């Protein structure tokens, strides 16, 4: 036989469990990261055809990133289109980072494709981002440190190129 006090205790325990469960859900949602996919192709990064050149691109993300959000990272996609044959090179190396970031918050990329006629492939990169007042810059910097692009296609010239797209962010 169950007494009235036992029912009250069980009800109180159930209420406490429900309260704790709601609190755990709230904490999990707060800690959870969200990936937002949103395509932005800066015109200057649509067709990169550098050969033995270094270049620095500054991309303003002020109108791209959400205001009043704690953005943790920016997502980039790097596509290589290698069409030159025979013996064409499509090499590109760069560092991507937020302007005024710490040295360890850079993402490095290097691609070396040789003699791969008709090849297209793409890779995604995660670039750390700091939305705190310590770094108010909204500029993404693509610092090309290495490029080598050779070969030609009959009647079209050199058609090898790279494309860098901003594909989203993590909040």
C-alpha atoms as a PDB file:
ATOM      1  CA  UNK A   1       0.000   0.000   0.000  1.00  0.00           C
ATOM      2  CA  UNK A   2       1.317   3.434  -1.009  1.00  0.00           C
ATOM      3  CA  UNK A   3       0.817   6.293   1.389  1.00  0.00           C
ATOM      4  CA  UNK A   4      -0.137   9.855   0.442  1.00  0.00           C
ATOM      5  CA  UNK A   5       3.309  11.094   1.422  1.00  0.00           C
ATOM      6  CA  UNK A   6       4.892   8.684  -1.047  1.00  0.00           C
ATOM      7  CA  UNK A   7       2.726  10.038  -3.883  1.00  0.00           C
ATOM      8  CA  UNK A   8       3.703  13.580  -2.982  1.00  0.00           C
ATOM      9  CA  UNK A   9       7.378  12.587  -2.948  1.00  0.00           C
ATOM     10  CA  UNK A  10       7.078  10.854  -6.312  1.00  0.00           C
ATOM     11  CA  UNK A  11       5.316  13.876  -7.818  1.00  0.00           C
ATOM     12  CA  UNK A  12       7.981  16.196  -6.427  1.00  0.00           C
ATOM     13  CA  UNK A  13      10.730  13.986  -7.869  1.00  0.00           C
ATOM     14  CA  UNK A  14       9.005  13.946 -11.263  1.00  0.00           C
ATOM     15  CA  UNK A  15       8.786  17.741 -11.246  1.00  0.00           C
ATOM     16  CA  UNK A  16      12.471  18.014 -10.342  1.00  0.00           C
ATOM     17  CA  UNK A  17      13.409  15.573 -13.102  1.00  0.00           C
ATOM     18  CA  UNK A  18      11.382  17.554 -15.647  1.00  0.00           C
ATOM     19  CA  UNK A  19      12.958  20.824 -14.482  1.00  0.00           C
ATOM     20  CA  UNK A  20      16.454  19.363 -14.719  1.00  0.00           C
ATOM     21  CA  UNK A  21      15.686  17.862 -18.117  1.00  0.00           C
ATOM     22  CA  UNK A  22      14.518  21.256 -19.453  1.00  0.00           C
ATOM     23  CA  UNK A  23      17.660  22.888 -18.058  1.00  0.00           C
ATOM     24  CA  UNK A  24      19.902  20.287 -19.746  1.00  0.00           C
ATOM     25  CA  UNK A  25      18.090  20.914 -23.055  1.00  0.00           C
ATOM     26  CA  UNK A  26      18.635  24.672 -22.694  1.00  0.00           C
ATOM     27  CA  UNK A  27      22.339  24.216 -21.967  1.00  0.00           C
ATOM     28  CA  UNK A  28      22.781  21.844 -24.906  1.00  0.00           C
ATOM     29  CA  UNK A  29      21.101  24.298 -27.284  1.00  0.00           C
ATOM     30  CA  UNK A  30      23.275  27.141 -26.035  1.00  0.00           C
ATOM     31  CA  UNK A  31      26.494  25.143 -26.461  1.00  0.00           C
ATOM     32  CA  UNK A  32      25.520  23.648 -29.816  1.00  0.00           C
ATOM     33  CA  UNK A  33      27.118  25.099 -32.934  1.00  0.00           C
ATOM     34  CA  UNK A  34      25.034  25.801 -35.988  1.00  0.00           C
ATOM     35  CA  UNK A  35      26.310  25.640 -39.552  1.00  0.00           C
ATOM     36  CA  UNK A  36      24.667  28.209 -41.801  1.00  0.00           C
ATOM     37  CA  UNK A  37      25.105  27.618 -45.537  1.00  0.00           C
ATOM     38  CA  UNK A  38      25.002  30.830 -47.566  1.00  0.00           C
ATOM     39  CA  UNK A  39      26.839  31.253 -50.869  1.00  0.00           C
ATOM     40  CA  UNK A  40      28.908  34.346 -51.644  1.00  0.00           C
ATOM     41  CA  UNK A  41      31.350  34.409 -54.565  1.00  0.00           C
ATOM     42  CA  UNK A  42      33.584  37.490 -54.471  1.00  0.00           C
ATOM     43  CA  UNK A  43      34.183  38.614 -58.086  1.00  0.00           C
ATOM     44  CA  UNK A  44      37.958  38.822 -57.610  1.00  0.00           C
ATOM     45  CA  UNK A  45      38.045  35.152 -56.524  1.00  0.00           C
ATOM     46  CA  UNK A  46      35.915  33.707 -59.343  1.00  0.00           C
ATOM     47  CA  UNK A  47      38.762  32.897 -61.688  1.00  0.00           C
ATOM     48  CA  UNK A  48      42.241  32.955 -60.180  1.00  0.00           C
ATOM     49  CA  UNK A  49      44.952  32.355 -62.793  1.00  0.00           C
ATOM     50  CA  UNK A  50      48.153  33.413 -61.083  1.00  0.00           C
ATOM     51  CA  UNK A  51      51.523  32.169 -62.307  1.00  0.00           C
ATOM     52  CA  UNK A  52      54.590  32.606 -60.117  1.00  0.00           C
ATOM     53  CA  UNK A  53      52.839  35.476 -58.355  1.00  0.00           C
ATOM     54  CA  UNK A  54      51.889  36.284 -54.794  1.00  0.00           C
ATOM     55  CA  UNK A  55      48.707  38.207 -54.149  1.00  0.00           C
ATOM     56  CA  UNK A  56      46.627  39.316 -51.195  1.00  0.00           C
ATOM     57  CA  UNK A  57      42.846  39.601 -51.448  1.00  0.00           C
ATOM     58  CA  UNK A  58      40.749  41.418 -48.825  1.00  0.00           C
ATOM     59  CA  UNK A  59      37.104  40.346 -48.802  1.00  0.00           C
ATOM     60  CA  UNK A  60      34.639  42.466 -46.804  1.00  0.00           C
ATOM     61  CA  UNK A  61      32.120  40.220 -45.025  1.00  0.00           C
ATOM     62  CA  UNK A  62      30.260  43.022 -43.213  1.00  0.00           C
ATOM     63  CA  UNK A  63      27.049  42.495 -45.211  1.00  0.00           C
ATOM     64  CA  UNK A  64      27.510  38.719 -45.327  1.00  0.00           C
ATOM     65  CA  UNK A  65      27.918  37.731 -41.672  1.00  0.00           C
ATOM     66  CA  UNK A  66      24.962  38.176 -39.316  1.00  0.00           C
ATOM     67  CA  UNK A  67      25.108  41.150 -36.941  1.00  0.00           C
ATOM     68  CA  UNK A  68      25.020  40.466 -33.210  1.00  0.00           C
ATOM     69  CA  UNK A  69      25.984  36.801 -33.625  1.00  0.00           C
ATOM     70  CA  UNK A  70      29.046  35.083 -32.217  1.00  0.00           C
ATOM     71  CA  UNK A  71      30.498  33.729 -35.463  1.00  0.00           C
ATOM     72  CA  UNK A  72      33.066  31.005 -34.728  1.00  0.00           C
ATOM     73  CA  UNK A  73      34.257  30.244 -38.264  1.00  0.00           C
ATOM     74  CA  UNK A  74      33.804  31.084 -41.931  1.00  0.00           C
ATOM     75  CA  UNK A  75      33.492  28.260 -44.472  1.00  0.00           C
ATOM     76  CA  UNK A  76      35.302  28.419 -47.803  1.00  0.00           C
ATOM     77  CA  UNK A  77      35.158  26.157 -50.843  1.00  0.00           C
ATOM     78  CA  UNK A  78      38.176  26.019 -53.141  1.00  0.00           C
ATOM     79  CA  UNK A  79      37.602  24.618 -56.617  1.00  0.00           C
ATOM     80  CA  UNK A  80      40.378  23.749 -59.058  1.00  0.00           C
ATOM     81  CA  UNK A  81      39.595  23.433 -62.762  1.00  0.00           C
ATOM     82  CA  UNK A  82      42.520  21.744 -64.512  1.00  0.00           C
ATOM     83  CA  UNK A  83      41.975  21.516 -68.256  1.00  0.00           C
ATOM     84  CA  UNK A  84      45.374  22.179 -69.842  1.00  0.00           C
ATOM     85  CA  UNK A  85      47.017  19.206 -71.511  1.00  0.00           C
ATOM     86  CA  UNK A  86      49.628  17.887 -71.843  1.00  0.00           C
ATOM     87  CA  UNK A  87      51.801  18.520 -68.818  1.00  0.00           C
ATOM     88  CA  UNK A  88      49.912  21.525 -67.440  1.00  0.00           C
ATOM     89  CA  UNK A  89      50.347  22.715 -63.864  1.00  0.00           C
ATOM     90  CA  UNK A  90      47.664  24.150 -61.566  1.00  0.00           C
ATOM     91  CA  UNK A  91      49.326  24.961 -58.242  1.00  0.00           C
ATOM     92  CA  UNK A  92      48.012  27.330 -55.600  1.00  0.00           C
ATOM     93  CA  UNK A  93      48.959  27.869 -51.980  1.00  0.00           C
ATOM     94  CA  UNK A  94      47.401  30.397 -49.633  1.00  0.00           C
ATOM     95  CA  UNK A  95      46.607  31.294 -46.068  1.00  0.00           C
ATOM     96  CA  UNK A  96      43.048  32.353 -45.197  1.00  0.00           C
ATOM     97  CA  UNK A  97      42.353  34.328 -42.049  1.00  0.00           C
ATOM     98  CA  UNK A  98      40.434  37.141 -40.447  1.00  0.00           C
ATOM     99  CA  UNK A  99      42.270  40.447 -40.596  1.00  0.00           C
ATOM    100  CA  UNK A 100      44.104  41.152 -37.293  1.00  0.00           C
ATOM    101  CA  UNK A 101      43.721  37.555 -36.092  1.00  0.00           C
ATOM    102  CA  UNK A 102      46.183  35.687 -33.924  1.00  0.00           C
ATOM    103  CA  UNK A 103      48.916  33.759 -35.805  1.00  0.00           C
ATOM    104  CA  UNK A 104      47.446  30.367 -34.841  1.00  0.00           C
ATOM    105  CA  UNK A 105      44.018  31.261 -36.285  1.00  0.00           C
ATOM    106  CA  UNK A 106      44.978  30.876 -39.931  1.00  0.00           C
ATOM    107  CA  UNK A 107      43.962  28.122 -42.316  1.00  0.00           C
ATOM    108  CA  UNK A 108      46.551  27.040 -44.876  1.00  0.00           C
ATOM    109  CA  UNK A 109      45.746  25.489 -48.253  1.00  0.00           C
ATOM    110  CA  UNK A 110      47.956  24.015 -50.948  1.00  0.00           C
ATOM    111  CA  UNK A 111      46.891  22.307 -54.162  1.00  0.00           C
ATOM    112  CA  UNK A 112      49.262  20.876 -56.738  1.00  0.00           C
ATOM    113  CA  UNK A 113      47.647  19.316 -59.784  1.00  0.00           C
ATOM    114  CA  UNK A 114      49.847  18.250 -62.690  1.00  0.00           C
ATOM    115  CA  UNK A 115      48.948  16.673 -66.037  1.00  0.00           C
ATOM    116  CA  UNK A 116      45.319  16.037 -65.040  1.00  0.00           C
ATOM    117  CA  UNK A 117      43.409  17.048 -68.148  1.00  0.00           C
ATOM    118  CA  UNK A 118      39.703  17.616 -67.536  1.00  0.00           C
ATOM    119  CA  UNK A 119      39.839  17.445 -63.743  1.00  0.00           C
ATOM    120  CA  UNK A 120      37.561  19.484 -61.486  1.00  0.00           C
ATOM    121  CA  UNK A 121      37.476  19.068 -57.733  1.00  0.00           C
ATOM    122  CA  UNK A 122      36.556  21.103 -54.691  1.00  0.00           C
ATOM    123  CA  UNK A 123      37.557  21.170 -51.029  1.00  0.00           C
ATOM    124  CA  UNK A 124      35.935  22.888 -48.049  1.00  0.00           C
ATOM    125  CA  UNK A 125      37.979  24.824 -45.504  1.00  0.00           C
ATOM    126  CA  UNK A 126      37.130  26.143 -42.049  1.00  0.00           C
ATOM    127  CA  UNK A 127      38.618  29.540 -41.196  1.00  0.00           C
ATOM    128  CA  UNK A 128      38.493  30.512 -37.492  1.00  0.00           C
ATOM    129  CA  UNK A 129      36.632  33.751 -36.807  1.00  0.00           C
ATOM    130  CA  UNK A 130      36.644  36.032 -33.769  1.00  0.00           C
ATOM    131  CA  UNK A 131      33.499  38.141 -33.326  1.00  0.00           C
ATOM    132  CA  UNK A 132      34.549  39.607 -29.986  1.00  0.00           C
ATOM    133  CA  UNK A 133      35.307  43.270 -29.419  1.00  0.00           C
ATOM    134  CA  UNK A 134      38.995  42.292 -29.369  1.00  0.00           C
ATOM    135  CA  UNK A 135      38.834  41.908 -33.163  1.00  0.00           C
ATOM    136  CA  UNK A 136      36.182  43.989 -34.870  1.00  0.00           C
ATOM    137  CA  UNK A 137      37.486  43.307 -38.379  1.00  0.00           C
ATOM    138  CA  UNK A 138      34.985  41.877 -40.837  1.00  0.00           C
ATOM    139  CA  UNK A 139      37.639  41.322 -43.510  1.00  0.00           C
ATOM    140  CA  UNK A 140      38.641  37.898 -44.742  1.00  0.00           C
ATOM    141  CA  UNK A 141      42.204  37.848 -46.039  1.00  0.00           C
ATOM    142  CA  UNK A 142      43.322  35.381 -48.719  1.00  0.00           C
ATOM    143  CA  UNK A 143      47.114  35.596 -48.827  1.00  0.00           C
ATOM    144  CA  UNK A 144      48.379  33.695 -51.883  1.00  0.00           C
ATOM    145  CA  UNK A 145      51.900  32.527 -51.114  1.00  0.00           C
ATOM    146  CA  UNK A 146      52.493  30.183 -54.051  1.00  0.00           C
ATOM    147  CA  UNK A 147      51.170  29.879 -57.597  1.00  0.00           C
ATOM    148  CA  UNK A 148      52.226  28.003 -60.702  1.00  0.00           C
ATOM    149  CA  UNK A 149      49.949  27.730 -63.721  1.00  0.00           C
ATOM    150  CA  UNK A 150      51.200  26.390 -67.064  1.00  0.00           C
ATOM    151  CA  UNK A 151      50.031  24.773 -70.251  1.00  0.00           C
ATOM    152  CA  UNK A 152      47.477  25.796 -72.781  1.00  0.00           C
ATOM    153  CA  UNK A 153      44.520  24.387 -74.591  1.00  0.00           C
ATOM    154  CA  UNK A 154      44.440  24.703 -78.405  1.00  0.00           C
ATOM    155  CA  UNK A 155      42.776  27.951 -79.497  1.00  0.00           C
ATOM    156  CA  UNK A 156      41.765  28.793 -75.896  1.00  0.00           C
ATOM    157  CA  UNK A 157      45.072  29.418 -74.161  1.00  0.00           C
ATOM    158  CA  UNK A 158      45.511  28.677 -70.477  1.00  0.00           C
ATOM    159  CA  UNK A 159      42.168  27.596 -69.040  1.00  0.00           C
ATOM    160  CA  UNK A 160      43.387  26.280 -65.671  1.00  0.00           C
ATOM    161  CA  UNK A 161      41.963  28.273 -62.790  1.00  0.00           C
ATOM    162  CA  UNK A 162      40.949  28.264 -59.150  1.00  0.00           C
ATOM    163  CA  UNK A 163      37.760  29.617 -57.616  1.00  0.00           C
ATOM    164  CA  UNK A 164      37.332  30.489 -53.938  1.00  0.00           C
ATOM    165  CA  UNK A 165      33.779  30.830 -52.593  1.00  0.00           C
ATOM    166  CA  UNK A 166      32.497  31.748 -49.154  1.00  0.00           C
ATOM    167  CA  UNK A 167      29.945  29.002 -48.508  1.00  0.00           C
ATOM    168  CA  UNK A 168      28.763  29.666 -44.969  1.00  0.00           C
ATOM    169  CA  UNK A 169      29.676  30.188 -41.358  1.00  0.00           C
ATOM    170  CA  UNK A 170      29.443  28.535 -37.960  1.00  0.00           C
ATOM    171  CA  UNK A 171      27.702  30.244 -35.038  1.00  0.00           C
END
